[in-house]
Amino acid sequence: MPGSTDGSTKAMGALTIGGLVVVTAYTVALGSNGWLWFGWVLLGLITLGMLATRST
């Protein structure tokens, strides 16, 4: 169905948003960690790639 998102893409989106919350909470509580932010950006790029390549 056009405009629908399959389950794996939804799961990656939820994981990306959850990761942002966790990394932000860690940064507020314990200070910034560049590797955590790098990992989150990488996860976000993978999610965007999944969205861009999903079948319509």
PDB file of N, CA and C in Angstrom:
ATOM      1  N   MET A   1       0.845  -1.170   0.000  1.00  0.00           N
ATOM      2  CA  MET A   1       0.000   0.000   0.000  1.00  0.00           C
ATOM      3  C   MET A   1       0.894   1.238   0.000  1.00  0.00           C
ATOM      4  N   PRO A   2       0.691   2.190  -0.896  1.00  0.00           N
ATOM      5  CA  PRO A   2       1.503   3.400  -0.942  1.00  0.00           C
ATOM      6  C   PRO A   2       1.361   4.217   0.334  1.00  0.00           C
ATOM      7  N   GLY A   3       2.475   4.754   0.806  1.00  0.00           N
ATOM      8  CA  GLY A   3       2.451   5.583   1.994  1.00  0.00           C
ATOM      9  C   GLY A   3       2.556   4.808   3.292  1.00  0.00           C
ATOM     10  N   SER A   4       2.498   3.487   3.227  1.00  0.00           N
ATOM     11  CA  SER A   4       2.612   2.709   4.455  1.00  0.00           C
ATOM     12  C   SER A   4       4.082   2.432   4.746  1.00  0.00           C
ATOM     13  N   THR A   5       4.359   2.206   5.998  1.00  0.00           N
ATOM     14  CA  THR A   5       5.724   1.918   6.422  1.00  0.00           C
ATOM     15  C   THR A   5       5.742   0.510   6.983  1.00  0.00           C
ATOM     16  N   ASP A   6       6.696  -0.304   6.526  1.00  0.00           N
ATOM     17  CA  ASP A   6       6.744  -1.678   7.020  1.00  0.00           C
ATOM     18  C   ASP A   6       7.245  -1.716   8.452  1.00  0.00           C
ATOM     19  N   GLY A   7       7.108  -2.859   9.081  1.00  0.00           N
ATOM     20  CA  GLY A   7       7.419  -3.006  10.492  1.00  0.00           C
ATOM     21  C   GLY A   7       8.865  -2.737  10.846  1.00  0.00           C
ATOM     22  N   SER A   8       9.802  -3.179   9.995  1.00  0.00           N
ATOM     23  CA  SER A   8      11.211  -2.976  10.325  1.00  0.00           C
ATOM     24  C   SER A   8      11.592  -1.499  10.299  1.00  0.00           C
ATOM     25  N   THR A   9      11.012  -0.738   9.390  1.00  0.00           N
ATOM     26  CA  THR A   9      11.306   0.691   9.326  1.00  0.00           C
ATOM     27  C   THR A   9      10.705   1.410  10.531  1.00  0.00           C
ATOM     28  N   LYS A  10       9.497   0.999  10.934  1.00  0.00           N
ATOM     29  CA  LYS A  10       8.894   1.578  12.134  1.00  0.00           C
ATOM     30  C   LYS A  10       9.735   1.261  13.362  1.00  0.00           C
ATOM     31  N   ALA A  11      10.229   0.037  13.439  1.00  0.00           N
ATOM     32  CA  ALA A  11      11.068  -0.354  14.579  1.00  0.00           C
ATOM     33  C   ALA A  11      12.353   0.458  14.607  1.00  0.00           C
ATOM     34  N   MET A  12      12.973   0.667  13.453  1.00  0.00           N
ATOM     35  CA  MET A  12      14.202   1.468  13.397  1.00  0.00           C
ATOM     36  C   MET A  12      13.920   2.919  13.793  1.00  0.00           C
ATOM     37  N   GLY A  13      12.782   3.438  13.375  1.00  0.00           N
ATOM     38  CA  GLY A  13      12.409   4.797  13.761  1.00  0.00           C
ATOM     39  C   GLY A  13      12.225   4.921  15.263  1.00  0.00           C
ATOM     40  N   ALA A  14      11.556   3.937  15.848  1.00  0.00           N
ATOM     41  CA  ALA A  14      11.351   3.944  17.303  1.00  0.00           C
ATOM     42  C   ALA A  14      12.685   3.809  18.028  1.00  0.00           C
ATOM     43  N   LEU A  15      13.570   2.956  17.522  1.00  0.00           N
ATOM     44  CA  LEU A  15      14.887   2.783  18.124  1.00  0.00           C
ATOM     45  C   LEU A  15      15.702   4.073  18.029  1.00  0.00           C
ATOM     46  N   THR A  16      15.594   4.768  16.916  1.00  0.00           N
ATOM     47  CA  THR A  16      16.320   6.025  16.734  1.00  0.00           C
ATOM     48  C   THR A  16      15.821   7.084  17.712  1.00  0.00           C
ATOM     49  N   ILE A  17      14.512   7.210  17.854  1.00  0.00           N
ATOM     50  CA  ILE A  17      13.949   8.188  18.793  1.00  0.00           C
ATOM     51  C   ILE A  17      14.301   7.808  20.227  1.00  0.00           C
ATOM     52  N   GLY A  18      14.180   6.522  20.541  1.00  0.00           N
ATOM     53  CA  GLY A  18      14.560   6.069  21.878  1.00  0.00           C
ATOM     54  C   GLY A  18      16.033   6.313  22.162  1.00  0.00           C
ATOM     55  N   GLY A  19      16.873   6.087  21.157  1.00  0.00           N
ATOM     56  CA  GLY A  19      18.302   6.349  21.305  1.00  0.00           C
ATOM     57  C   GLY A  19      18.582   7.816  21.564  1.00  0.00           C
ATOM     58  N   LEU A  20      17.855   8.689  20.891  1.00  0.00           N
ATOM     59  CA  LEU A  20      18.028  10.124  21.120  1.00  0.00           C
ATOM     60  C   LEU A  20      17.687  10.480  22.560  1.00  0.00           C
ATOM     61  N   VAL A  21      16.613   9.908  23.079  1.00  0.00           N
ATOM     62  CA  VAL A  21      16.216  10.180  24.462  1.00  0.00           C
ATOM     63  C   VAL A  21      17.301   9.699  25.428  1.00  0.00           C
ATOM     64  N   VAL A  22      17.821   8.494  25.198  1.00  0.00           N
ATOM     65  CA  VAL A  22      18.845   7.933  26.081  1.00  0.00           C
ATOM     66  C   VAL A  22      20.132   8.752  26.026  1.00  0.00           C
ATOM     67  N   VAL A  23      20.575   9.100  24.825  1.00  0.00           N
ATOM     68  CA  VAL A  23      21.823   9.867  24.688  1.00  0.00           C
ATOM     69  C   VAL A  23      21.659  11.253  25.303  1.00  0.00           C
ATOM     70  N   THR A  24      20.507  11.865  25.122  1.00  0.00           N
ATOM     71  CA  THR A  24      20.266  13.181  25.715  1.00  0.00           C
ATOM     72  C   THR A  24      20.258  13.093  27.241  1.00  0.00           C
ATOM     73  N   ALA A  25      19.591  12.074  27.784  1.00  0.00           N
ATOM     74  CA  ALA A  25      19.549  11.898  29.236  1.00  0.00           C
ATOM     75  C   ALA A  25      20.961  11.659  29.783  1.00  0.00           C
ATOM     76  N   TYR A  26      21.758  10.852  29.097  1.00  0.00           N
ATOM     77  CA  TYR A  26      23.137  10.596  29.519  1.00  0.00           C
ATOM     78  C   TYR A  26      23.938  11.885  29.517  1.00  0.00           C
ATOM     79  N   THR A  27      23.763  12.693  28.474  1.00  0.00           N
ATOM     80  CA  THR A  27      24.497  13.952  28.356  1.00  0.00           C
ATOM     81  C   THR A  27      24.124  14.903  29.489  1.00  0.00           C
ATOM     82  N   VAL A  28      22.838  14.975  29.814  1.00  0.00           N
ATOM     83  CA  VAL A  28      22.397  15.859  30.886  1.00  0.00           C
ATOM     84  C   VAL A  28      22.926  15.371  32.232  1.00  0.00           C
ATOM     85  N   ALA A  29      22.888  14.059  32.465  1.00  0.00           N
ATOM     86  CA  ALA A  29      23.270  13.520  33.769  1.00  0.00           C
ATOM     87  C   ALA A  29      24.780  13.445  33.972  1.00  0.00           C
ATOM     88  N   LEU A  30      25.508  12.999  32.953  1.00  0.00           N
ATOM     89  CA  LEU A  30      26.921  12.697  33.146  1.00  0.00           C
ATOM     90  C   LEU A  30      27.873  13.488  32.263  1.00  0.00           C
ATOM     91  N   GLY A  31      27.346  14.300  31.378  1.00  0.00           N
ATOM     92  CA  GLY A  31      28.203  15.061  30.481  1.00  0.00           C
ATOM     93  C   GLY A  31      28.240  14.433  29.095  1.00  0.00           C
ATOM     94  N   SER A  32      28.702  15.195  28.157  1.00  0.00           N
ATOM     95  CA  SER A  32      28.683  14.772  26.757  1.00  0.00           C
ATOM     96  C   SER A  32      29.683  13.652  26.482  1.00  0.00           C
ATOM     97  N   ASN A  33      29.290  12.749  25.620  1.00  0.00           N
ATOM     98  CA  ASN A  33      30.167  11.681  25.159  1.00  0.00           C
ATOM     99  C   ASN A  33      30.059  11.657  23.634  1.00  0.00           C
ATOM    100  N   GLY A  34      31.129  12.014  22.966  1.00  0.00           N
ATOM    101  CA  GLY A  34      31.111  12.119  21.508  1.00  0.00           C
ATOM    102  C   GLY A  34      30.786  10.814  20.807  1.00  0.00           C
ATOM    103  N   TRP A  35      31.247   9.688  21.373  1.00  0.00           N
ATOM    104  CA  TRP A  35      30.971   8.394  20.744  1.00  0.00           C
ATOM    105  C   TRP A  35      29.491   8.057  20.776  1.00  0.00           C
ATOM    106  N   LEU A  36      28.798   8.431  21.854  1.00  0.00           N
ATOM    107  CA  LEU A  36      27.346   8.182  21.910  1.00  0.00           C
ATOM    108  C   LEU A  36      26.626   8.995  20.839  1.00  0.00           C
ATOM    109  N   TRP A  37      27.014  10.258  20.691  1.00  0.00           N
ATOM    110  CA  TRP A  37      26.381  11.092  19.671  1.00  0.00           C
ATOM    111  C   TRP A  37      26.719  10.595  18.264  1.00  0.00           C
ATOM    112  N   PHE A  38      27.955  10.159  18.066  1.00  0.00           N
ATOM    113  CA  PHE A  38      28.335   9.599  16.778  1.00  0.00           C
ATOM    114  C   PHE A  38      27.490   8.364  16.464  1.00  0.00           C
ATOM    115  N   GLY A  39      27.320   7.497  17.452  1.00  0.00           N
ATOM    116  CA  GLY A  39      26.489   6.302  17.266  1.00  0.00           C
ATOM    117  C   GLY A  39      25.046   6.648  16.950  1.00  0.00           C
ATOM    118  N   TRP A  40      24.524   7.676  17.630  1.00  0.00           N
ATOM    119  CA  TRP A  40      23.144   8.062  17.360  1.00  0.00           C
ATOM    120  C   TRP A  40      22.992   8.640  15.949  1.00  0.00           C
ATOM    121  N   VAL A  41      23.938   9.456  15.529  1.00  0.00           N
ATOM    122  CA  VAL A  41      23.898  10.007  14.164  1.00  0.00           C
ATOM    123  C   VAL A  41      23.968   8.879  13.140  1.00  0.00           C
ATOM    124  N   LEU A  42      24.838   7.904  13.380  1.00  0.00           N
ATOM    125  CA  LEU A  42      24.951   6.759  12.487  1.00  0.00           C
ATOM    126  C   LEU A  42      23.632   5.985  12.421  1.00  0.00           C
ATOM    127  N   LEU A  43      23.015   5.758  13.574  1.00  0.00           N
ATOM    128  CA  LEU A  43      21.719   5.083  13.617  1.00  0.00           C
ATOM    129  C   LEU A  43      20.661   5.875  12.849  1.00  0.00           C
ATOM    130  N   GLY A  44      20.675   7.195  13.007  1.00  0.00           N
ATOM    131  CA  GLY A  44      19.735   8.044  12.273  1.00  0.00           C
ATOM    132  C   GLY A  44      19.940   7.968  10.767  1.00  0.00           C
ATOM    133  N   LEU A  45      21.193   7.932  10.335  1.00  0.00           N
ATOM    134  CA  LEU A  45      21.473   7.829   8.897  1.00  0.00           C
ATOM    135  C   LEU A  45      21.021   6.478   8.342  1.00  0.00           C
ATOM    136  N   ILE A  46      21.208   5.429   9.113  1.00  0.00           N
ATOM    137  CA  ILE A  46      20.737   4.112   8.676  1.00  0.00           C
ATOM    138  C   ILE A  46      19.213   4.110   8.562  1.00  0.00           C
ATOM    139  N   THR A  47      18.549   4.721   9.535  1.00  0.00           N
ATOM    140  CA  THR A  47      17.080   4.810   9.486  1.00  0.00           C
ATOM    141  C   THR A  47      16.623   5.604   8.270  1.00  0.00           C
ATOM    142  N   LEU A  48      17.286   6.731   8.007  1.00  0.00           N
ATOM    143  CA  LEU A  48      16.927   7.519   6.819  1.00  0.00           C
ATOM    144  C   LEU A  48      17.165   6.715   5.540  1.00  0.00           C
ATOM    145  N   GLY A  49      18.240   5.949   5.512  1.00  0.00           N
ATOM    146  CA  GLY A  49      18.503   5.095   4.355  1.00  0.00           C
ATOM    147  C   GLY A  49      17.410   4.058   4.159  1.00  0.00           C
ATOM    148  N   MET A  50      16.936   3.480   5.266  1.00  0.00           N
ATOM    149  CA  MET A  50      15.840   2.508   5.164  1.00  0.00           C
ATOM    150  C   MET A  50      14.572   3.167   4.631  1.00  0.00           C
ATOM    151  N   LEU A  51      14.310   4.390   5.094  1.00  0.00           N
ATOM    152  CA  LEU A  51      13.128   5.101   4.608  1.00  0.00           C
ATOM    153  C   LEU A  51      13.252   5.426   3.119  1.00  0.00           C
ATOM    154  N   ALA A  52      14.453   5.787   2.699  1.00  0.00           N
ATOM    155  CA  ALA A  52      14.660   6.169   1.303  1.00  0.00           C
ATOM    156  C   ALA A  52      14.587   4.964   0.349  1.00  0.00           C
ATOM    157  N   THR A  53      14.952   3.798   0.834  1.00  0.00           N
ATOM    158  CA  THR A  53      15.010   2.635  -0.057  1.00  0.00           C
ATOM    159  C   THR A  53      13.825   1.691   0.070  1.00  0.00           C
ATOM    160  N   ARG A  54      12.878   2.003   0.951  1.00  0.00           N
ATOM    161  CA  ARG A  54      11.728   1.090   1.103  1.00  0.00           C
ATOM    162  C   ARG A  54      10.889   1.098  -0.167  1.00  0.00           C
ATOM    163  N   SER A  55      10.263  -0.022  -0.420  1.00  0.00           N
ATOM    164  CA  SER A  55       9.426  -0.124  -1.618  1.00  0.00           C
ATOM    165  C   SER A  55       8.124   0.642  -1.405  1.00  0.00           C
ATOM    166  N   THR A  56       7.657   1.308  -2.453  1.00  0.00           N
ATOM    167  CA  THR A  56       6.412   2.083  -2.365  1.00  0.00           C
ATOM    168  C   THR A  56       5.330   1.448  -3.182  1.00  0.00           C
TER     169      THR A  56
END
